[in-house]
Amino acid sequence: MHGAVTKNLWVLLVAGTLAVAAAGTSCSSSSQIVGPSKSGSGGRSGTGGASSGSGGSSSSGTGGTDSGTGGAQSGTGGDVGDGTGGDTAGGTGGDTAGGTGGDTAGGTGGDTAGTGGGAGGDPGTGGSVGTGGVPSSTGPLNCAAPKHVMATGLVTNFSDWNATTGRWGASGALQGSLFAYKGGPEADAGMPTANVVSQALSLRLVVTPGGYLGGGTTFNSCVDVSAYTMLTFTVAVTAGDLNGCSLQAQIQTFDQRPTSADPPGGCEPSASCFNFPAAAVTNTVGSAATPVSVPMASFSGWNDISPREVIGLQWQVNSSGGGCTPTLVIDDVRFQ
């Protein structure tokens, strides 16, 4: 009779332990990677019933913008010398978004000990929180609250360029960084460069037949230019020439920047992106700085929403059948 009672108590204890373990496991969202978990091993029978349950295994979470949540589950005390180890769930790592993910460690199982009936185990230790991914840019673009250019319409004259941070602009105001790109059939053509030289943007380009290259500046926020009707700047060719090529000014808008870019824009990569509003520069450009004024209305694809979603400016040299190797110098960029 005594053996039957002991067996029934043992069955009830195991069932309760499984229920606690099941309640401690939650479903993660689709943006998370769930770390595996293992149940703690049961305690060993002994005189006075002293045993310790081993905790769940640890799991490394993959880093990302979502923080990893550590698992924690209390160990269940032994009954009549049969201690059951604490069951711990592995922590869940965050999604990777260009940064280093945090590790998550499983909780430590509870100890059980006692004579004729063990005491409850200590709670498991929760896993450490994962570190969110850090984008290489200044942060997400928010076109719902765009910044405005200065009252004078000045975007930049590159006089406040900081070579250490790789940006122009004062802290708390509109800032920008540089970039260069290429495209066309000659994928092995030399990579263009974008630098600030003598307080002006310098673009060194090697355009092959049928190709295009360019560069410019990306803003650290969306900009509202709805108060202006003209883009103005100066341009010079300080080396090489534009023979066999044509020059365009382009305005980057949020709706044409891919969602996969850093920072992301509003264009799905499966769609046709990078179709920024563009306008031809028809001025004859020589070695001296040439003032250029381009009406906003002349930019292809410019619409009612575009002025409040400006995220950058770029200048592109297209092959007109031949090739060219100009070094463009851009300065005094303004909206008027």
Foldseek 3Di string as FASTA:
>chain_A
DVVVVVVVVVVVQVVVLVVQLVVQDDDDDPQWDFFAWDFWAKFDADAFQWGETFEIFEGFAFAAQDKKKWWKWWFAAFAQNIGGWTGWGYIIWGHHDAAGWGTWTTFGTFTWGGHRTTDTGGMTDTTDMIDHGDFPAPDAADLVDAAEDDPVQFPFQQPQQDPVSQWRDDPPHKMKHKDKDKDFDCPVPDGWDWDQDPSWIKIWDWWFFGMKMKMWIFINYFYALVVFFKKKWWKAFQDWALVQKWKKKFWDFQCQADCSDVVGGNDDPVDHHPPTFMATFPDHHYHDIDMGMDTPVRTPPDDPCRNSGTGIMMMMMGGNRGIITTIMIIGRIGTD
